[in-house]
Amino acid sequence: MKTLRGLAFRLFKSNKFIVFSSIVSIAISTMLVLSMVLFSFNAQDTLKSQLKQTYGEMDLSVGFDMNQGKILTSTLVEEIHQDKMVDKVSKVSIAHLNLNKLNTSVYTVGVESDYLAKSRYHFSKPLNKDSVAMNKGLAKDLHVKVGDKVLIENKTYILAETVNDLSATGVAPDMLILNQKNVKRYIQAKEKSSAEATYLLIKAHKNESALKLANRIKSYNKDLRIDIAEQDAGVQNNLQSLHTFIMVLSALVLTITSLILISNFELLLYKMRNQFAIMRSIGATAKQISKIITLQSTIINTVGTGVGFLLTFCSQRYLYSWLGKVSKISSSPSDFNVSTAVIITVVMYVIIQFFLLIPAYRSTKVLPLKTMQKNEKINYGFSKTRIVIFKVLIAMSLFLVIGSQVFPTRGTYGPGMLLITVILVLPLY
């Protein structure tokens, strides 16, 4: 085995350029595919994070529009709560209460101290009848900190927590968060209303569809306004198109890389055929030759995919942020998902190794005399059939390229036509 290893490395040294170009090809293709797939996954994770940041854990928001003059009664709330598709209901009451120190009305949210309300309004401490939470900007204006007293509607509350300012979400920049029962009492006293809540945060059971639950709740009162916490349909479609495009592009990158590697490896084996012929003539078996070629392809593949993995890791951790600063383009930090990257790298390794073994298998089956005859009689010409096929492919590719830019449907089918063009051009290589 040591002799075979030593021979494999000696053959490597005599063909440094071909080996180096093969490793570079694998490294670049690994980096491209990893970067594209990880970008796609990161985009999906970012959208999910933004959705959770905006809506929290809720699936539905249920209530009446203010101009309808209708309220959520205790009977209606209980009916929704008892629905078999509903897992959790959290009541929310909205009011504008007077903050004595500033002598102004402030947007106030009355919530229950459950996980739906906490995830929606981003507070963590339980709120009782004597405690309040507020955004940091308002606390700064009032010059108060956690544990201080705050006078609201002539009643003293203890500041339990400050939360981040929520101006980016579209709600009022200053906000008070109180216990839901307190705010409900203020609303009932001021407006002479029997409203149980302004709206409800609802979590469906694990296997239930939010859309089906919305239709079911709508049957209780057709005037209910129901908002579903989900990604915008256009964004979802665009993201799905991005996933599909990246998968197709990754397959094309792998195909092109494999074709280049087969060509390089064929050239490498061609240069080594004389040595293999001599080895076969002095008694080396096809199995021994196969081991040498397999060892060489394994080393090339391992080094190439390993370097590609490291380049992707470094580029996502350091290069992207540096390029963003240099070009003055703001970009969100990109996480390097190690487990996903390892799985993709292993899959690429297996696919590339399979393509590398194709020329290796053919080379081990050639007898010494045939090997030397093939080296002396290499036909660089093309058959007439092959020339005709090439001309047809070129004509079709030109037609599709022109059509993707000229046809009225270019906006819809243009990218697909260009993609087909790339696939048709691949056999030319």
Protein backbone atom coordinates (compact mmCIF):
# COMPACT_ATOMS: atom_id res chain seq x y z
CA MET A 1 0.00 0.00 0.00
CA LYS A 2 2.87 2.37 0.80
CA THR A 3 4.38 1.63 -2.62
CA LEU A 4 1.08 2.49 -4.33
CA ARG A 5 0.80 5.72 -2.32
CA GLY A 6 4.35 6.71 -3.18
CA LEU A 7 3.77 5.98 -6.85
CA ALA A 8 0.53 7.99 -6.85
CA PHE A 9 2.32 11.02 -5.37
CA ARG A 10 5.22 10.72 -7.82
CA LEU A 11 2.73 10.73 -10.69
CA PHE A 12 1.09 13.78 -9.11
CA LYS A 13 4.39 15.67 -9.05
CA SER A 14 4.94 15.07 -12.74
CA ASN A 15 1.49 16.54 -13.56
CA LYS A 16 1.25 19.42 -11.08
CA PHE A 17 -0.64 21.84 -13.30
CA ILE A 18 -3.46 19.42 -14.17
CA VAL A 19 -3.86 18.38 -10.53
CA PHE A 20 -3.83 22.01 -9.36
CA SER A 21 -6.43 23.09 -11.95
CA SER A 22 -8.70 20.18 -10.95
CA ILE A 23 -8.49 21.14 -7.27
CA VAL A 24 -9.21 24.80 -8.08
CA SER A 25 -12.25 23.81 -10.20
CA ILE A 26 -13.69 21.70 -7.38
CA ALA A 27 -12.98 24.38 -4.76
CA ILE A 28 -14.66 27.15 -6.79
CA SER A 29 -17.72 25.04 -7.63
CA THR A 30 -18.05 23.96 -3.97
CA MET A 31 -17.83 27.58 -2.85
CA LEU A 32 -20.41 28.73 -5.43
CA VAL A 33 -22.94 26.01 -4.62
CA LEU A 34 -22.50 26.36 -0.85
CA SER A 35 -22.81 30.16 -1.00
CA MET A 36 -25.97 30.04 -3.13
CA VAL A 37 -27.73 27.36 -1.08
CA LEU A 38 -26.80 28.94 2.26
CA PHE A 39 -27.97 32.34 0.96
CA SER A 40 -31.32 30.77 0.06
CA PHE A 41 -31.68 29.21 3.53
CA ASN A 42 -30.62 32.44 5.24
CA ALA A 43 -33.22 34.39 3.26
CA GLN A 44 -35.91 31.98 4.45
CA ASP A 45 -34.71 32.22 8.07
CA THR A 46 -34.62 36.03 7.88
CA LEU A 47 -38.23 36.19 6.69
CA LYS A 48 -39.33 33.83 9.47
CA SER A 49 -37.46 35.93 12.02
CA GLN A 50 -39.06 39.14 10.76
CA LEU A 51 -42.49 37.51 10.84
CA LYS A 52 -41.96 36.38 14.42
CA GLN A 53 -40.59 39.80 15.40
CA THR A 54 -43.73 41.47 14.04
CA TYR A 55 -46.46 39.04 15.11
CA GLY A 56 -44.89 36.84 17.76
CA GLU A 57 -46.27 33.33 18.27
CA MET A 58 -49.87 34.11 17.27
CA ASP A 59 -51.55 32.66 14.18
CA LEU A 60 -54.57 34.98 14.05
CA SER A 61 -55.61 38.42 15.26
CA VAL A 62 -59.41 38.71 15.70
CA GLY A 63 -61.50 41.82 16.39
CA PHE A 64 -63.83 44.44 14.95
CA ASP A 65 -62.91 47.59 13.05
CA MET A 66 -63.37 50.74 15.16
CA ASN A 67 -65.87 52.27 12.72
CA GLN A 68 -68.18 49.24 12.90
CA GLY A 69 -69.40 50.12 16.38
CA LYS A 70 -69.26 46.47 17.45
CA ILE A 71 -67.45 44.94 20.43
CA LEU A 72 -66.02 41.60 21.52
CA THR A 73 -68.43 40.45 24.19
CA SER A 74 -67.55 37.88 26.84
CA THR A 75 -69.96 35.44 25.18
CA LEU A 76 -68.26 35.75 21.77
CA VAL A 77 -64.79 35.50 23.34
CA GLU A 78 -65.78 32.36 25.24
CA GLU A 79 -67.30 30.84 22.09
CA ILE A 80 -64.02 31.37 20.21
CA HIS A 81 -62.00 30.09 23.14
CA GLN A 82 -63.99 26.86 23.29
CA ASP A 83 -63.46 26.09 19.59
CA LYS A 84 -61.74 22.72 19.20
CA MET A 85 -59.29 24.14 16.63
CA VAL A 86 -58.07 26.86 19.04
CA ASP A 87 -55.12 26.13 21.32
CA LYS A 88 -54.70 29.50 23.08
CA VAL A 89 -56.53 32.83 23.25
CA SER A 90 -54.98 36.01 24.65
CA LYS A 91 -57.12 39.12 25.20
CA VAL A 92 -55.75 42.56 24.29
CA SER A 93 -57.38 45.90 25.10
CA ILE A 94 -56.25 49.14 23.44
CA ALA A 95 -56.72 52.62 24.94
CA HIS A 96 -55.08 56.03 25.24
CA LEU A 97 -54.43 56.75 28.91
CA ASN A 98 -53.23 59.98 30.47
CA LEU A 99 -49.64 60.01 31.67
CA ASN A 100 -49.73 62.55 34.49
CA LYS A 101 -46.11 63.66 34.38
CA LEU A 102 -46.32 64.59 30.69
CA ASN A 103 -50.01 65.54 30.87
CA THR A 104 -50.68 63.76 27.59
CA SER A 105 -52.48 60.64 26.37
CA VAL A 106 -50.23 57.72 25.50
CA TYR A 107 -51.03 54.66 23.41
CA THR A 108 -51.70 51.89 25.96
CA VAL A 109 -51.93 48.13 25.50
CA GLY A 110 -53.63 45.95 28.05
CA VAL A 111 -52.35 42.37 27.86
CA GLU A 112 -52.44 39.07 29.68
CA SER A 113 -49.07 37.75 30.84
CA ASP A 114 -48.97 34.74 28.52
CA TYR A 115 -46.57 33.70 25.78
CA LEU A 116 -48.71 35.12 22.95
CA ALA A 117 -48.76 38.64 24.42
CA LYS A 118 -45.12 38.49 25.47
CA SER A 119 -43.94 37.44 22.01
CA ARG A 120 -46.15 40.06 20.32
CA TYR A 121 -45.15 43.03 22.51
CA HIS A 122 -41.68 41.79 23.51
CA PHE A 123 -41.93 42.03 27.29
CA SER A 124 -40.87 39.28 29.68
CA LYS A 125 -41.96 40.22 33.22
CA PRO A 126 -45.51 39.31 34.37
CA LEU A 127 -47.73 42.40 34.77
CA ASN A 128 -50.08 42.55 37.77
CA LYS A 129 -52.64 45.23 38.61
CA ASP A 130 -49.95 47.57 40.04
CA SER A 131 -47.16 47.20 37.45
CA VAL A 132 -46.46 48.74 34.04
CA ALA A 133 -43.98 48.32 31.22
CA MET A 134 -43.05 50.97 28.65
CA ASN A 135 -40.70 51.52 25.74
CA LYS A 136 -37.19 52.77 26.50
CA GLY A 137 -37.68 56.10 24.71
CA LEU A 138 -40.66 56.98 26.91
CA ALA A 139 -38.81 55.89 30.07
CA LYS A 140 -35.93 58.16 29.07
CA ASP A 141 -38.30 61.14 28.59
CA LEU A 142 -39.82 60.47 32.03
CA HIS A 143 -36.37 59.99 33.62
CA VAL A 144 -37.53 56.76 35.27
CA LYS A 145 -35.94 53.35 35.62
CA VAL A 146 -37.17 49.89 36.60
CA GLY A 147 -38.61 50.00 40.12
CA ASP A 148 -39.65 53.68 39.98
CA LYS A 149 -43.24 54.87 40.39
CA VAL A 150 -45.26 56.15 37.44
CA LEU A 151 -48.58 58.02 37.72
CA ILE A 152 -51.14 56.99 35.06
CA GLU A 153 -54.72 58.29 35.20
CA ASN A 154 -53.98 59.45 38.79
CA LYS A 155 -53.08 55.90 39.83
CA THR A 156 -49.57 54.84 40.86
CA TYR A 157 -47.87 51.99 39.05
CA ILE A 158 -44.42 50.44 39.49
CA LEU A 159 -42.24 50.28 36.36
CA ALA A 160 -41.52 46.54 35.97
CA GLU A 161 -39.68 46.56 32.63
CA THR A 162 -38.64 48.65 29.65
CA VAL A 163 -38.91 47.29 26.10
CA ASN A 164 -37.24 48.30 22.85
CA ASP A 165 -38.84 51.10 20.88
CA LEU A 166 -41.27 49.74 18.28
CA SER A 167 -41.38 52.64 15.83
CA ALA A 168 -40.20 50.37 12.97
CA THR A 169 -43.30 48.16 13.30
CA GLY A 170 -45.75 50.93 12.46
CA VAL A 171 -47.27 51.35 15.96
CA ALA A 172 -46.95 54.48 18.08
CA PRO A 173 -43.36 55.16 19.16
CA ASP A 174 -44.42 55.66 22.80
CA MET A 175 -46.35 52.84 24.43
CA LEU A 176 -47.51 51.74 27.87
CA ILE A 177 -48.16 48.05 28.59
CA LEU A 178 -50.55 47.31 31.46
CA ASN A 179 -52.48 44.36 32.79
CA GLN A 180 -55.45 43.66 30.49
CA LYS A 181 -58.03 43.84 33.28
CA ASN A 182 -56.87 47.35 34.26
CA VAL A 183 -57.19 48.69 30.71
CA LYS A 184 -60.54 46.93 30.23
CA ARG A 185 -61.91 48.67 33.32
CA TYR A 186 -60.71 52.06 32.03
CA ILE A 187 -62.43 51.44 28.68
CA GLN A 188 -65.66 50.24 30.29
CA ALA A 189 -65.73 53.25 32.63
CA LYS A 190 -64.86 55.90 30.01
CA GLU A 191 -66.87 54.58 27.07
CA LYS A 192 -69.68 52.93 29.04
CA SER A 193 -68.87 49.76 27.10
CA SER A 194 -69.09 46.09 28.01
CA ALA A 195 -66.23 45.08 25.67
CA GLU A 196 -64.27 42.10 26.94
CA ALA A 197 -61.28 43.07 24.76
CA THR A 198 -60.36 45.14 21.71
CA TYR A 199 -59.00 42.11 19.84
CA LEU A 200 -57.75 38.58 20.46
CA LEU A 201 -54.43 36.89 19.78
CA ILE A 202 -55.12 33.29 18.79
CA LYS A 203 -52.86 30.27 18.46
CA ALA A 204 -54.22 27.30 16.51
CA HIS A 205 -53.56 23.69 17.45
CA LYS A 206 -50.35 22.29 15.97
CA ASN A 207 -51.87 20.44 13.02
CA GLU A 208 -54.62 22.96 12.24
CA SER A 209 -54.57 25.36 9.29
CA ALA A 210 -54.71 29.06 10.19
CA LEU A 211 -56.83 29.73 7.10
CA LYS A 212 -59.40 27.05 8.05
CA LEU A 213 -59.51 28.39 11.61
CA ALA A 214 -60.07 31.93 10.28
CA ASN A 215 -63.04 30.73 8.20
CA ARG A 216 -64.44 28.89 11.21
CA ILE A 217 -64.16 31.94 13.49
CA LYS A 218 -65.73 34.09 10.77
CA SER A 219 -68.84 31.90 11.04
CA TYR A 220 -69.38 33.12 14.62
CA ASN A 221 -69.77 36.69 13.37
CA LYS A 222 -69.41 37.66 9.70
CA ASP A 223 -68.26 41.20 10.61
CA LEU A 224 -65.17 40.03 12.50
CA ARG A 225 -61.86 41.28 11.10
CA ILE A 226 -59.32 38.47 11.03
CA ASP A 227 -55.63 39.03 10.25
CA ILE A 228 -53.49 35.96 9.55
CA ALA A 229 -49.85 36.14 10.63
CA GLU A 230 -48.15 34.85 7.51
CA GLN A 231 -45.62 35.98 4.96
CA ASP A 232 -46.75 38.09 2.05
CA ALA A 233 -47.88 35.85 -0.84
CA GLY A 234 -45.68 37.73 -3.31
CA VAL A 235 -42.65 37.34 -1.04
CA GLN A 236 -43.36 33.61 -0.64
CA ASN A 237 -43.64 33.11 -4.40
CA ASN A 238 -40.44 35.07 -5.03
CA LEU A 239 -38.61 33.07 -2.38
CA GLN A 240 -39.84 29.80 -3.87
CA SER A 241 -38.66 30.96 -7.31
CA LEU A 242 -35.29 31.84 -5.76
CA HIS A 243 -35.01 28.33 -4.25
CA THR A 244 -35.84 26.71 -7.59
CA PHE A 245 -33.41 28.94 -9.50
CA ILE A 246 -30.60 28.23 -7.02
CA MET A 247 -31.18 24.47 -7.20
CA VAL A 248 -31.12 24.52 -11.02
CA LEU A 249 -28.07 26.78 -11.05
CA SER A 250 -26.30 24.54 -8.54
CA ALA A 251 -26.99 21.52 -10.74
CA LEU A 252 -25.56 23.40 -13.74
CA VAL A 253 -22.45 24.40 -11.78
CA LEU A 254 -21.93 20.78 -10.73
CA THR A 255 -22.46 19.55 -14.29
CA ILE A 256 -20.02 22.05 -15.80
CA THR A 257 -17.45 21.32 -13.06
CA SER A 258 -17.81 17.59 -13.62
CA LEU A 259 -17.29 18.00 -17.38
CA ILE A 260 -14.15 20.08 -16.73
CA LEU A 261 -12.88 17.51 -14.23
CA ILE A 262 -13.53 14.61 -16.59
CA SER A 263 -11.57 16.47 -19.28
CA ASN A 264 -8.71 17.23 -16.88
CA PHE A 265 -8.66 13.73 -15.50
CA GLU A 266 -8.73 12.25 -18.99
CA LEU A 267 -5.68 14.37 -19.80
CA LEU A 268 -4.01 13.29 -16.56
CA LEU A 269 -4.67 9.63 -17.31
CA TYR A 270 -3.52 10.09 -20.90
CA LYS A 271 -0.17 11.39 -19.65
CA MET A 272 0.13 8.48 -17.25
CA ARG A 273 -0.94 5.72 -19.66
CA ASN A 274 2.64 4.95 -20.67
CA GLN A 275 3.56 4.40 -17.01
CA PHE A 276 0.43 2.28 -16.51
CA ALA A 277 1.26 0.24 -19.63
CA ILE A 278 4.78 -0.41 -18.35
CA MET A 279 3.39 -1.39 -14.93
CA ARG A 280 0.90 -3.78 -16.55
CA SER A 281 3.65 -5.32 -18.71
CA ILE A 282 5.79 -6.12 -15.65
CA GLY A 283 2.92 -7.79 -13.81
CA ALA A 284 0.76 -5.08 -12.19
CA THR A 285 -2.93 -6.06 -12.06
CA ALA A 286 -5.91 -3.94 -13.12
CA LYS A 287 -6.92 -3.83 -9.45
CA GLN A 288 -3.60 -2.22 -8.45
CA ILE A 289 -3.86 0.35 -11.24
CA SER A 290 -7.43 1.06 -10.14
CA LYS A 291 -6.27 1.67 -6.56
CA ILE A 292 -3.69 4.23 -7.75
CA ILE A 293 -6.26 6.11 -9.86
CA THR A 294 -8.92 5.98 -7.10
CA LEU A 295 -6.39 7.28 -4.57
CA GLN A 296 -5.47 10.17 -6.87
CA SER A 297 -9.10 11.13 -7.56
CA THR A 298 -9.94 10.89 -3.85
CA ILE A 299 -7.06 13.21 -2.91
CA ILE A 300 -8.03 15.74 -5.60
CA ASN A 301 -11.70 15.65 -4.56
CA THR A 302 -11.01 15.82 -0.81
CA VAL A 303 -8.62 18.75 -1.08
CA GLY A 304 -10.92 20.60 -3.53
CA THR A 305 -14.12 20.27 -1.51
CA GLY A 306 -12.24 20.98 1.74
CA VAL A 307 -10.75 24.20 0.35
CA GLY A 308 -14.17 25.19 -1.05
CA PHE A 309 -15.78 24.64 2.37
CA LEU A 310 -13.14 26.77 4.11
CA LEU A 311 -13.42 29.54 1.50
CA THR A 312 -17.20 29.65 1.95
CA PHE A 313 -16.83 29.79 5.74
CA CYS A 314 -14.29 32.64 5.58
CA SER A 315 -16.25 34.60 2.97
CA GLN A 316 -19.51 34.45 4.96
CA ARG A 317 -17.83 35.27 8.27
CA TYR A 318 -15.43 38.00 7.17
CA LEU A 319 -15.41 38.81 3.44
CA TYR A 320 -19.11 39.76 3.01
CA SER A 321 -19.12 42.23 5.91
CA TRP A 322 -15.82 43.74 4.72
CA LEU A 323 -17.13 44.15 1.16
CA GLY A 324 -20.31 45.73 2.58
CA LYS A 325 -18.23 48.32 4.44
CA VAL A 326 -16.00 49.02 1.46
CA SER A 327 -18.92 49.43 -0.96
CA LYS A 328 -21.01 51.21 1.72
CA ILE A 329 -23.92 48.81 1.21
CA SER A 330 -25.84 47.79 4.32
CA SER A 331 -26.34 44.04 4.59
CA SER A 332 -27.76 41.83 7.30
CA PRO A 333 -25.30 39.41 8.94
CA SER A 334 -25.23 36.00 7.26
CA ASP A 335 -25.03 32.94 9.50
CA PHE A 336 -22.92 29.97 8.43
CA ASN A 337 -25.07 26.90 9.01
CA VAL A 338 -22.35 24.30 9.61
CA SER A 339 -24.60 21.20 9.52
CA THR A 340 -26.25 22.24 6.24
CA ALA A 341 -22.89 23.17 4.71
CA VAL A 342 -21.37 19.81 5.69
CA ILE A 343 -24.31 17.88 4.17
CA ILE A 344 -24.10 19.84 0.89
CA THR A 345 -20.31 19.38 0.75
CA VAL A 346 -20.62 15.61 1.28
CA VAL A 347 -23.28 15.36 -1.46
CA MET A 348 -21.03 17.33 -3.84
CA TYR A 349 -18.07 15.14 -2.90
CA VAL A 350 -20.00 11.95 -3.77
CA ILE A 351 -21.28 13.36 -7.10
CA ILE A 352 -17.84 14.63 -8.19
CA GLN A 353 -16.17 11.39 -7.09
CA PHE A 354 -18.63 9.45 -9.23
CA PHE A 355 -17.74 11.55 -12.29
CA LEU A 356 -14.01 11.14 -11.60
CA LEU A 357 -14.32 7.37 -11.46
CA ILE A 358 -15.82 7.15 -14.97
CA PRO A 359 -12.53 7.81 -16.85
CA ALA A 360 -10.62 5.92 -14.16
CA TYR A 361 -12.70 2.78 -14.74
CA ARG A 362 -12.17 2.95 -18.49
CA SER A 363 -8.40 3.32 -18.08
CA THR A 364 -8.02 0.24 -15.91
CA LYS A 365 -9.63 -1.98 -18.55
CA VAL A 366 -7.18 -1.14 -21.34
CA LEU A 367 -4.40 -3.63 -22.08
CA PRO A 368 -0.76 -2.36 -22.33
CA LEU A 369 -0.46 -2.77 -26.12
CA LYS A 370 -3.85 -1.10 -26.72
CA THR A 371 -2.85 1.77 -24.42
CA MET A 372 0.25 2.59 -26.45
CA GLN A 373 -1.68 2.25 -29.71
CA LYS A 374 -4.35 4.69 -28.44
CA ASN A 375 -1.68 7.18 -27.42
CA GLU A 376 -0.22 7.05 -30.91
CA LYS A 377 -3.53 7.17 -32.79
CA ILE A 378 -5.57 9.91 -31.18
CA ASN A 379 -8.30 11.25 -33.41
CA TYR A 380 -8.86 14.95 -32.86
CA GLY A 381 -11.45 15.24 -35.63
CA PHE A 382 -15.21 15.39 -35.37
CA SER A 383 -17.64 13.12 -37.16
CA LYS A 384 -20.22 14.61 -39.55
CA THR A 385 -23.07 13.67 -37.21
CA ARG A 386 -21.41 15.47 -34.33
CA ILE A 387 -20.87 18.60 -36.43
CA VAL A 388 -24.56 18.62 -37.45
CA ILE A 389 -25.67 18.22 -33.83
CA PHE A 390 -23.40 21.09 -32.78
CA LYS A 391 -24.85 23.35 -35.49
CA VAL A 392 -28.42 22.52 -34.45
CA LEU A 393 -27.65 23.23 -30.78
CA ILE A 394 -25.99 26.54 -31.63
CA ALA A 395 -28.96 27.58 -33.81
CA MET A 396 -31.47 26.68 -31.09
CA SER A 397 -29.41 28.51 -28.46
CA LEU A 398 -29.23 31.69 -30.59
CA PHE A 399 -33.00 31.52 -31.23
CA LEU A 400 -33.75 31.20 -27.50
CA VAL A 401 -31.36 34.04 -26.54
CA ILE A 402 -32.95 36.38 -29.10
CA GLY A 403 -36.46 35.23 -28.15
CA SER A 404 -35.83 35.86 -24.44
CA GLN A 405 -35.17 39.53 -25.24
CA VAL A 406 -37.58 40.17 -28.14
CA PHE A 407 -40.77 38.14 -27.57
CA PRO A 408 -43.69 39.88 -25.78
CA THR A 409 -43.61 37.14 -23.12
CA ARG A 410 -39.96 37.82 -22.26
CA GLY A 411 -40.89 39.04 -18.77
CA THR A 412 -42.53 35.71 -17.93
CA TYR A 413 -40.58 33.16 -19.97
CA GLY A 414 -37.29 35.02 -20.57
CA PRO A 415 -35.35 33.56 -17.60
CA GLY A 416 -36.56 30.03 -18.47
CA MET A 417 -35.47 30.41 -22.10
CA LEU A 418 -32.02 31.58 -21.00
CA LEU A 419 -31.80 28.61 -18.63
CA ILE A 420 -32.64 26.20 -21.46
CA THR A 421 -29.98 27.92 -23.57
CA VAL A 422 -27.34 27.19 -20.93
CA ILE A 423 -28.41 23.53 -20.82
CA LEU A 424 -28.20 23.26 -24.62
CA VAL A 425 -24.74 24.85 -24.68
CA LEU A 426 -23.31 22.41 -22.12
CA PRO A 427 -22.81 19.52 -24.62
CA LEU A 428 -20.65 21.84 -26.76
CA TYR A 429 -18.00 21.67 -24.06
